[in-house]
Structures are given as structure tokens and as C-alpha cells.
Amino acid sequence: MNKIAILYGSTTGNTKAIAMKISSLLNADIYDVAEKPIDALAKYNNLILGVSTWGLGDLQDDWESFLPHFESADLNGKTVAIFGLGDAEAYPDTFVDGMGTLFNASMVKGCKVVGFTPTDEFKFDESTAVVEKKFVGLPIDEDNESYLTDKRIQNWVEQLRKEFS
């Protein structure tokens, strides 16, 4: 399996903590998008993007600033996986919408997106991160289901090991 880069944006530290857990399981390099790691986009064939959703479907601030760099990079042929944090109880109509934003940006750039997760384990109303009854990555709800996080990460990482090869 080729080397993997994790790019994350984190306001409260939760997305960073999840990125670090995933990184330790995959021996991946990790980058905070607040530091504008533009060179990392070119150095890796496999990218994992970590994002949280704020308010009514808003992208996390650091990703909001980094997204234009992502959208202008040459990403054709890259394989991308996405994980997203959200609060399904407080925001059931926009749960992990940030993942949907990064999915759309990745697809426009010609990336192959992997790591889809069935929606049936999650309680929410709507999300732009759902395509054909699957999330476009791994949703995490640390506010209400933190007790499920480690198992969900383990299962997703096993899935990525196959899909990134």
C-alpha cells in the first residue's frame, strides 16, 4: 500500500484526535490544513480528508480557507477517503455535511473516492454526505456516540487497507 497523508481541520481538537487515531493505525503522515500543506497534495497518491461540520452544514473554518488550494491542485488519479465529525442530535438535517462538500470537491478533481459507509447505523434526518444510501466516508458523532468511535474507526481502516491497495 502506498504511503497515506491525512489532512484535517480541527477547531476544538476532536477532528485532530480522530486523525491521530487513524494515522496510528495506518502509519500515515498527518497535516493540519490550517498550515496550508499544499505540497502534501502532490506527494501522496492516497489522501484521507478529515473535516467537521459546524452550525447548519458549514465547513470547518480551516477547511474553508484551504479548500481553494485543494480545488486548484492537480489531484487527478488520487484516491481519497473522507471522515467527518458532526452532531446528529442537534443538527439532524445537516449531519456531517462537511464530508459532502469535500466529496464534491474531490469528484470534480478526478479523484477516486473510497471508504463509503452504510447509513443504517446512524440516526439523522438528512445529509449532503449521503450518496445512494451510503455516507461518502466515515461519519463520527463524538457528541452523542463516542462509545462507538473506536470500533467504527477500526472497521473503516480495515476497509481502507483494501480500497487503497
C-alpha atoms as a PDB file:
ATOM      1  CA  MET A   1       0.000   0.000   0.000  1.00  0.00           C
ATOM      2  CA  ASN A   2       1.305   3.456  -0.931  1.00  0.00           C
ATOM      3  CA  LYS A   3       2.024   5.984   1.779  1.00  0.00           C
ATOM      4  CA  ILE A   4      -1.047   7.869   3.003  1.00  0.00           C
ATOM      5  CA  ALA A   5      -1.484  11.509   4.007  1.00  0.00           C
ATOM      6  CA  ILE A   6      -4.218  12.640   6.380  1.00  0.00           C
ATOM      7  CA  LEU A   7      -5.241  16.270   6.017  1.00  0.00           C
ATOM      8  CA  TYR A   8      -7.550  17.572   8.723  1.00  0.00           C
ATOM      9  CA  GLY A   9      -9.026  20.784  10.035  1.00  0.00           C
ATOM     10  CA  SER A  10      -9.910  20.995  13.705  1.00  0.00           C
ATOM     11  CA  THR A  11     -11.433  23.746  15.793  1.00  0.00           C
ATOM     12  CA  THR A  12     -11.941  22.018  19.146  1.00  0.00           C
ATOM     13  CA  GLY A  13      -9.403  19.195  18.768  1.00  0.00           C
ATOM     14  CA  ASN A  14     -11.897  16.381  18.119  1.00  0.00           C
ATOM     15  CA  THR A  15     -11.100  16.051  14.409  1.00  0.00           C
ATOM     16  CA  LYS A  16      -7.374  16.146  15.174  1.00  0.00           C
ATOM     17  CA  ALA A  17      -7.800  13.361  17.749  1.00  0.00           C
ATOM     18  CA  ILE A  18      -9.642  11.177  15.212  1.00  0.00           C
ATOM     19  CA  ALA A  19      -6.987  11.941  12.576  1.00  0.00           C
ATOM     20  CA  MET A  20      -4.280  10.853  15.010  1.00  0.00           C
ATOM     21  CA  LYS A  21      -6.093   7.577  15.773  1.00  0.00           C
ATOM     22  CA  ILE A  22      -6.444   6.808  12.076  1.00  0.00           C
ATOM     23  CA  SER A  23      -2.831   7.814  11.446  1.00  0.00           C
ATOM     24  CA  SER A  24      -1.540   5.449  14.113  1.00  0.00           C
ATOM     25  CA  LEU A  25      -3.472   2.528  12.601  1.00  0.00           C
ATOM     26  CA  LEU A  26      -2.312   3.236   9.033  1.00  0.00           C
ATOM     27  CA  ASN A  27       1.149   4.681   9.752  1.00  0.00           C
ATOM     28  CA  ALA A  28       0.026   7.726   7.768  1.00  0.00           C
ATOM     29  CA  ASP A  29       1.576  11.174   7.680  1.00  0.00           C
ATOM     30  CA  ILE A  30      -0.648  13.849   9.148  1.00  0.00           C
ATOM     31  CA  TYR A  31      -1.157  17.503   8.195  1.00  0.00           C
ATOM     32  CA  ASP A  32      -3.247  20.325   9.652  1.00  0.00           C
ATOM     33  CA  VAL A  33      -4.876  22.259   6.782  1.00  0.00           C
ATOM     34  CA  ALA A  34      -4.520  25.445   8.858  1.00  0.00           C
ATOM     35  CA  GLU A  35      -0.820  25.246   7.948  1.00  0.00           C
ATOM     36  CA  LYS A  36      -1.657  25.103   4.185  1.00  0.00           C
ATOM     37  CA  PRO A  37       0.098  21.778   3.371  1.00  0.00           C
ATOM     38  CA  ILE A  38      -0.180  22.290  -0.398  1.00  0.00           C
ATOM     39  CA  ASP A  39       2.939  20.188  -1.134  1.00  0.00           C
ATOM     40  CA  ALA A  40       1.376  17.176   0.605  1.00  0.00           C
ATOM     41  CA  LEU A  41      -1.318  17.036  -2.051  1.00  0.00           C
ATOM     42  CA  ALA A  42       1.267  16.282  -4.731  1.00  0.00           C
ATOM     43  CA  LYS A  43       3.428  13.862  -2.711  1.00  0.00           C
ATOM     44  CA  TYR A  44       0.777  11.230  -1.960  1.00  0.00           C
ATOM     45  CA  ASN A  45      -1.488   9.064  -4.096  1.00  0.00           C
ATOM     46  CA  ASN A  46      -3.745   8.236  -1.124  1.00  0.00           C
ATOM     47  CA  LEU A  47      -5.335  11.058   0.851  1.00  0.00           C
ATOM     48  CA  ILE A  48      -7.633  10.967   3.864  1.00  0.00           C
ATOM     49  CA  LEU A  49      -9.511  14.195   4.491  1.00  0.00           C
ATOM     50  CA  GLY A  50     -10.867  14.937   7.964  1.00  0.00           C
ATOM     51  CA  VAL A  51     -13.464  17.635   8.473  1.00  0.00           C
ATOM     52  CA  SER A  52     -16.108  18.692  10.949  1.00  0.00           C
ATOM     53  CA  THR A  53     -19.432  20.319  10.204  1.00  0.00           C
ATOM     54  CA  TRP A  54     -20.459  23.440  12.099  1.00  0.00           C
ATOM     55  CA  GLY A  55     -23.846  25.017  12.606  1.00  0.00           C
ATOM     56  CA  LEU A  56     -26.263  24.346   9.793  1.00  0.00           C
ATOM     57  CA  GLY A  57     -23.925  22.476   7.458  1.00  0.00           C
ATOM     58  CA  ASP A  58     -20.963  24.860   7.454  1.00  0.00           C
ATOM     59  CA  LEU A  59     -17.466  23.667   6.615  1.00  0.00           C
ATOM     60  CA  GLN A  60     -14.882  23.911   9.405  1.00  0.00           C
ATOM     61  CA  ASP A  61     -13.013  27.261   9.212  1.00  0.00           C
ATOM     62  CA  ASP A  62      -9.552  25.909   8.339  1.00  0.00           C
ATOM     63  CA  TRP A  63     -11.019  23.801   5.535  1.00  0.00           C
ATOM     64  CA  GLU A  64     -12.962  26.833   4.320  1.00  0.00           C
ATOM     65  CA  SER A  65      -9.620  28.650   3.921  1.00  0.00           C
ATOM     66  CA  PHE A  66      -7.764  25.637   2.453  1.00  0.00           C
ATOM     67  CA  LEU A  67     -10.463  24.498   0.029  1.00  0.00           C
ATOM     68  CA  PRO A  68      -9.391  26.887  -2.782  1.00  0.00           C
ATOM     69  CA  HIS A  69      -5.869  25.379  -2.613  1.00  0.00           C
ATOM     70  CA  PHE A  70      -7.350  21.886  -2.727  1.00  0.00           C
ATOM     71  CA  GLU A  71      -9.551  22.826  -5.671  1.00  0.00           C
ATOM     72  CA  SER A  72      -6.627  24.289  -7.643  1.00  0.00           C
ATOM     73  CA  ALA A  73      -4.248  21.342  -7.052  1.00  0.00           C
ATOM     74  CA  ASP A  74      -3.654  18.575  -9.579  1.00  0.00           C
ATOM     75  CA  LEU A  75      -5.466  15.684  -7.909  1.00  0.00           C
ATOM     76  CA  ASN A  76      -6.298  13.616 -10.974  1.00  0.00           C
ATOM     77  CA  GLY A  77      -5.824   9.916 -10.246  1.00  0.00           C
ATOM     78  CA  LYS A  78      -5.588  10.337  -6.461  1.00  0.00           C
ATOM     79  CA  THR A  79      -7.570   8.075  -4.163  1.00  0.00           C
ATOM     80  CA  VAL A  80      -9.382   9.935  -1.402  1.00  0.00           C
ATOM     81  CA  ALA A  81     -11.186   8.804   1.746  1.00  0.00           C
ATOM     82  CA  ILE A  82     -13.103  11.224   3.955  1.00  0.00           C
ATOM     83  CA  PHE A  83     -14.086  11.204   7.605  1.00  0.00           C
ATOM     84  CA  GLY A  84     -16.316  13.794   9.177  1.00  0.00           C
ATOM     85  CA  LEU A  85     -17.476  14.817  12.605  1.00  0.00           C
ATOM     86  CA  GLY A  86     -20.948  16.095  13.307  1.00  0.00           C
ATOM     87  CA  ASP A  87     -23.743  16.190  15.866  1.00  0.00           C
ATOM     88  CA  ALA A  88     -26.695  14.137  14.632  1.00  0.00           C
ATOM     89  CA  GLU A  89     -28.962  15.088  17.550  1.00  0.00           C
ATOM     90  CA  ALA A  90     -28.510  18.869  17.445  1.00  0.00           C
ATOM     91  CA  TYR A  91     -28.179  19.055  13.643  1.00  0.00           C
ATOM     92  CA  PRO A  92     -30.002  16.044  12.177  1.00  0.00           C
ATOM     93  CA  ASP A  93     -30.731  17.860   8.887  1.00  0.00           C
ATOM     94  CA  THR A  94     -27.082  18.717   8.142  1.00  0.00           C
ATOM     95  CA  PHE A  95     -25.234  15.808   9.778  1.00  0.00           C
ATOM     96  CA  VAL A  96     -21.620  15.678   8.507  1.00  0.00           C
ATOM     97  CA  ASP A  97     -22.401  17.928   5.526  1.00  0.00           C
ATOM     98  CA  GLY A  98     -18.719  18.933   5.524  1.00  0.00           C
ATOM     99  CA  MET A  99     -17.956  15.470   4.159  1.00  0.00           C
ATOM    100  CA  GLY A 100     -20.351  16.146   1.298  1.00  0.00           C
ATOM    101  CA  THR A 101     -18.504  19.362   0.455  1.00  0.00           C
ATOM    102  CA  LEU A 102     -15.115  17.594   0.349  1.00  0.00           C
ATOM    103  CA  PHE A 103     -16.607  14.692  -1.612  1.00  0.00           C
ATOM    104  CA  ASN A 104     -17.914  17.044  -4.294  1.00  0.00           C
ATOM    105  CA  ALA A 105     -14.580  18.882  -4.460  1.00  0.00           C
ATOM    106  CA  SER A 106     -12.725  15.553  -4.800  1.00  0.00           C
ATOM    107  CA  MET A 107     -15.002  14.245  -7.533  1.00  0.00           C
ATOM    108  CA  VAL A 108     -14.637  17.426  -9.589  1.00  0.00           C
ATOM    109  CA  LYS A 109     -10.848  16.990  -9.392  1.00  0.00           C
ATOM    110  CA  GLY A 110     -10.979  13.452 -10.814  1.00  0.00           C
ATOM    111  CA  CYS A 111     -10.259  11.629  -7.568  1.00  0.00           C
ATOM    112  CA  LYS A 112     -11.458   8.132  -6.818  1.00  0.00           C
ATOM    113  CA  VAL A 113     -13.339   8.335  -3.511  1.00  0.00           C
ATOM    114  CA  VAL A 114     -13.361   5.241  -1.278  1.00  0.00           C
ATOM    115  CA  GLY A 115     -14.428   4.408   2.267  1.00  0.00           C
ATOM    116  CA  PHE A 116     -18.191   4.658   1.879  1.00  0.00           C
ATOM    117  CA  THR A 117     -20.186   3.707   4.997  1.00  0.00           C
ATOM    118  CA  PRO A 118     -23.781   2.408   5.156  1.00  0.00           C
ATOM    119  CA  THR A 119     -26.214   4.873   6.737  1.00  0.00           C
ATOM    120  CA  ASP A 120     -28.221   2.285   8.664  1.00  0.00           C
ATOM    121  CA  GLU A 121     -26.108   2.551  11.846  1.00  0.00           C
ATOM    122  CA  PHE A 122     -26.721   6.286  12.196  1.00  0.00           C
ATOM    123  CA  LYS A 123     -29.723   8.306  13.388  1.00  0.00           C
ATOM    124  CA  PHE A 124     -30.073  11.510  11.371  1.00  0.00           C
ATOM    125  CA  ASP A 125     -32.599  13.097   9.018  1.00  0.00           C
ATOM    126  CA  GLU A 126     -30.587  14.387   6.067  1.00  0.00           C
ATOM    127  CA  SER A 127     -27.022  14.889   4.895  1.00  0.00           C
ATOM    128  CA  THR A 128     -25.309  16.082   1.748  1.00  0.00           C
ATOM    129  CA  ALA A 129     -22.713  13.408   2.562  1.00  0.00           C
ATOM    130  CA  VAL A 130     -25.089  10.596   1.541  1.00  0.00           C
ATOM    131  CA  VAL A 131     -24.961   9.121  -1.962  1.00  0.00           C
ATOM    132  CA  GLU A 132     -27.055   6.082  -2.847  1.00  0.00           C
ATOM    133  CA  LYS A 133     -27.865   5.347   0.821  1.00  0.00           C
ATOM    134  CA  LYS A 134     -24.214   5.442   1.911  1.00  0.00           C
ATOM    135  CA  PHE A 135     -22.120   8.104   3.554  1.00  0.00           C
ATOM    136  CA  VAL A 136     -19.255   9.219   1.307  1.00  0.00           C
ATOM    137  CA  GLY A 137     -16.853   8.384   4.137  1.00  0.00           C
ATOM    138  CA  LEU A 138     -16.842   7.692   7.856  1.00  0.00           C
ATOM    139  CA  PRO A 139     -19.214   9.800   9.973  1.00  0.00           C
ATOM    140  CA  ILE A 140     -18.257  10.308  13.612  1.00  0.00           C
ATOM    141  CA  ASP A 141     -20.584  11.724  16.274  1.00  0.00           C
ATOM    142  CA  GLU A 142     -18.357  12.365  19.279  1.00  0.00           C
ATOM    143  CA  ASP A 143     -21.118  14.371  20.970  1.00  0.00           C
ATOM    144  CA  ASN A 144     -23.624  11.522  21.171  1.00  0.00           C
ATOM    145  CA  GLU A 145     -21.947   8.245  20.156  1.00  0.00           C
ATOM    146  CA  SER A 146     -18.321   8.496  21.289  1.00  0.00           C
ATOM    147  CA  TYR A 147     -18.568   4.963  22.690  1.00  0.00           C
ATOM    148  CA  LEU A 148     -18.813   3.702  19.076  1.00  0.00           C
ATOM    149  CA  THR A 149     -15.936   5.745  17.659  1.00  0.00           C
ATOM    150  CA  ASP A 150     -13.015   3.345  18.150  1.00  0.00           C
ATOM    151  CA  LYS A 151     -14.855   0.375  16.654  1.00  0.00           C
ATOM    152  CA  ARG A 152     -16.061   2.464  13.714  1.00  0.00           C
ATOM    153  CA  ILE A 153     -12.514   3.671  13.071  1.00  0.00           C
ATOM    154  CA  GLN A 154     -11.121   0.123  13.221  1.00  0.00           C
ATOM    155  CA  ASN A 155     -13.707  -1.165  10.762  1.00  0.00           C
ATOM    156  CA  TRP A 156     -13.166   1.763   8.410  1.00  0.00           C
ATOM    157  CA  VAL A 157      -9.377   1.425   8.485  1.00  0.00           C
ATOM    158  CA  GLU A 158      -9.685  -2.267   7.564  1.00  0.00           C
ATOM    159  CA  GLN A 159     -11.901  -1.252   4.664  1.00  0.00           C
ATOM    160  CA  LEU A 160      -9.362   1.388   3.557  1.00  0.00           C
ATOM    161  CA  ARG A 161      -6.488  -1.101   3.651  1.00  0.00           C
ATOM    162  CA  LYS A 162      -8.279  -2.993   0.879  1.00  0.00           C
ATOM    163  CA  GLU A 163      -9.506   0.030  -1.061  1.00  0.00           C
ATOM    164  CA  PHE A 164      -6.177   1.895  -1.005  1.00  0.00           C
ATOM    165  CA  SER A 165      -4.181  -1.078  -2.321  1.00  0.00           C
END
